[in-house]
Amino acid sequence: MKRDWEKTFNDQESSGLTRAEYCRKHNIQYDHFQYHIKRRGRFLPVLRTEQSLEIILKSGAKLLVTGSTELSLIKKVLEADAEVRL
């Protein structure tokens, strides 16, 4: 049976669990989960509040953006992340 990765990602994001915790709880191989996230090729917002947005980048790194974060810095981080080879 083929896994619906988009549903799995959404379930993990709304669970409040880290990726590793979610994978352990649901018997998913963590490296498979990471592979499919990277294959997805887009950013994954994981937490949004009035003051901030946390994004998991293609590389797996987390970027916390707040109202005081300079746009030029965000742009540099996103450009560098785009160059990461998976």
Protein backbone atom coordinates (compact mmCIF):
# COMPACT_ATOMS: atom_id res chain seq x y z
CA MET A 1 0.00 0.00 0.00
CA LYS A 2 1.42 3.38 -1.03
CA ARG A 3 1.65 6.02 1.70
CA ASP A 4 -0.06 9.37 1.21
CA TRP A 5 2.96 11.51 2.12
CA GLU A 6 1.11 14.83 1.89
CA LYS A 7 -1.40 13.60 4.48
CA THR A 8 1.44 12.22 6.60
CA PHE A 9 3.25 15.59 6.52
CA ASN A 10 0.07 17.45 7.46
CA ASP A 11 -0.64 14.99 10.29
CA GLN A 12 2.90 15.41 11.63
CA GLU A 13 2.74 19.20 11.44
CA SER A 14 -0.57 19.33 13.33
CA SER A 15 0.50 16.69 15.89
CA GLY A 16 2.90 18.98 17.71
CA LEU A 17 5.51 16.19 17.60
CA THR A 18 8.94 16.56 16.09
CA ARG A 19 9.55 14.63 12.89
CA ALA A 20 11.55 12.01 14.76
CA GLU A 21 8.91 11.60 17.48
CA TYR A 22 6.14 11.31 14.90
CA CYS A 23 8.06 8.70 12.92
CA ARG A 24 8.74 6.60 16.02
CA LYS A 25 5.09 6.80 17.11
CA HIS A 26 3.78 5.80 13.66
CA ASN A 27 6.47 3.24 12.75
CA ILE A 28 7.81 5.28 9.84
CA GLN A 29 11.47 5.13 8.93
CA TYR A 30 12.80 8.62 9.65
CA ASP A 31 15.10 8.63 6.62
CA HIS A 32 12.12 7.82 4.35
CA PHE A 33 10.15 10.67 5.91
CA GLN A 34 13.06 13.09 5.37
CA TYR A 35 13.59 11.84 1.81
CA HIS A 36 9.99 12.52 0.84
CA ILE A 37 10.03 15.96 2.48
CA LYS A 38 13.14 16.90 0.52
CA ARG A 39 11.70 15.41 -2.65
CA ARG A 40 8.68 17.61 -2.14
CA GLY A 41 10.99 20.56 -2.84
CA ARG A 42 9.21 23.25 -0.90
CA PHE A 43 9.30 24.92 2.46
CA LEU A 44 7.28 23.51 5.33
CA PRO A 45 5.86 26.02 7.78
CA VAL A 46 5.59 24.30 11.15
CA LEU A 47 4.59 27.04 13.54
CA ARG A 48 2.86 30.32 12.93
CA THR A 49 1.99 32.86 15.60
CA GLU A 50 1.17 36.53 15.52
CA GLN A 51 4.84 37.31 16.09
CA SER A 52 6.75 34.64 14.16
CA LEU A 53 6.87 31.95 11.52
CA GLU A 54 9.11 28.90 11.79
CA ILE A 55 10.03 27.27 8.48
CA ILE A 56 11.81 24.01 7.86
CA LEU A 57 14.06 24.55 4.88
CA LYS A 58 14.87 22.10 2.10
CA SER A 59 18.14 21.35 3.89
CA GLY A 60 16.26 20.40 7.07
CA ALA A 61 17.42 23.51 8.95
CA LYS A 62 14.84 25.62 10.77
CA LEU A 63 14.39 29.33 10.09
CA LEU A 64 12.51 31.44 12.63
CA VAL A 65 11.19 34.63 11.04
CA THR A 66 9.93 37.42 13.26
CA GLY A 67 8.72 40.89 12.51
CA SER A 68 12.18 42.23 13.22
CA THR A 69 13.97 39.87 10.81
CA GLU A 70 15.52 41.77 7.91
CA LEU A 71 14.16 40.72 4.52
CA SER A 72 17.64 40.79 2.97
CA LEU A 73 18.80 38.18 5.51
CA ILE A 74 15.80 35.96 4.82
CA LYS A 75 16.51 36.21 1.09
CA LYS A 76 20.17 35.18 1.59
CA VAL A 77 19.19 32.17 3.71
CA LEU A 78 16.59 31.03 1.18
CA GLU A 79 19.01 31.42 -1.73
CA ALA A 80 21.72 29.45 0.10
CA ASP A 81 19.21 26.74 0.99
CA ALA A 82 18.10 26.50 -2.64
CA GLU A 83 21.66 25.61 -3.59
CA VAL A 84 21.78 22.62 -1.21
CA ARG A 85 22.05 19.37 -3.13
CA LEU A 86 19.89 16.57 -1.85
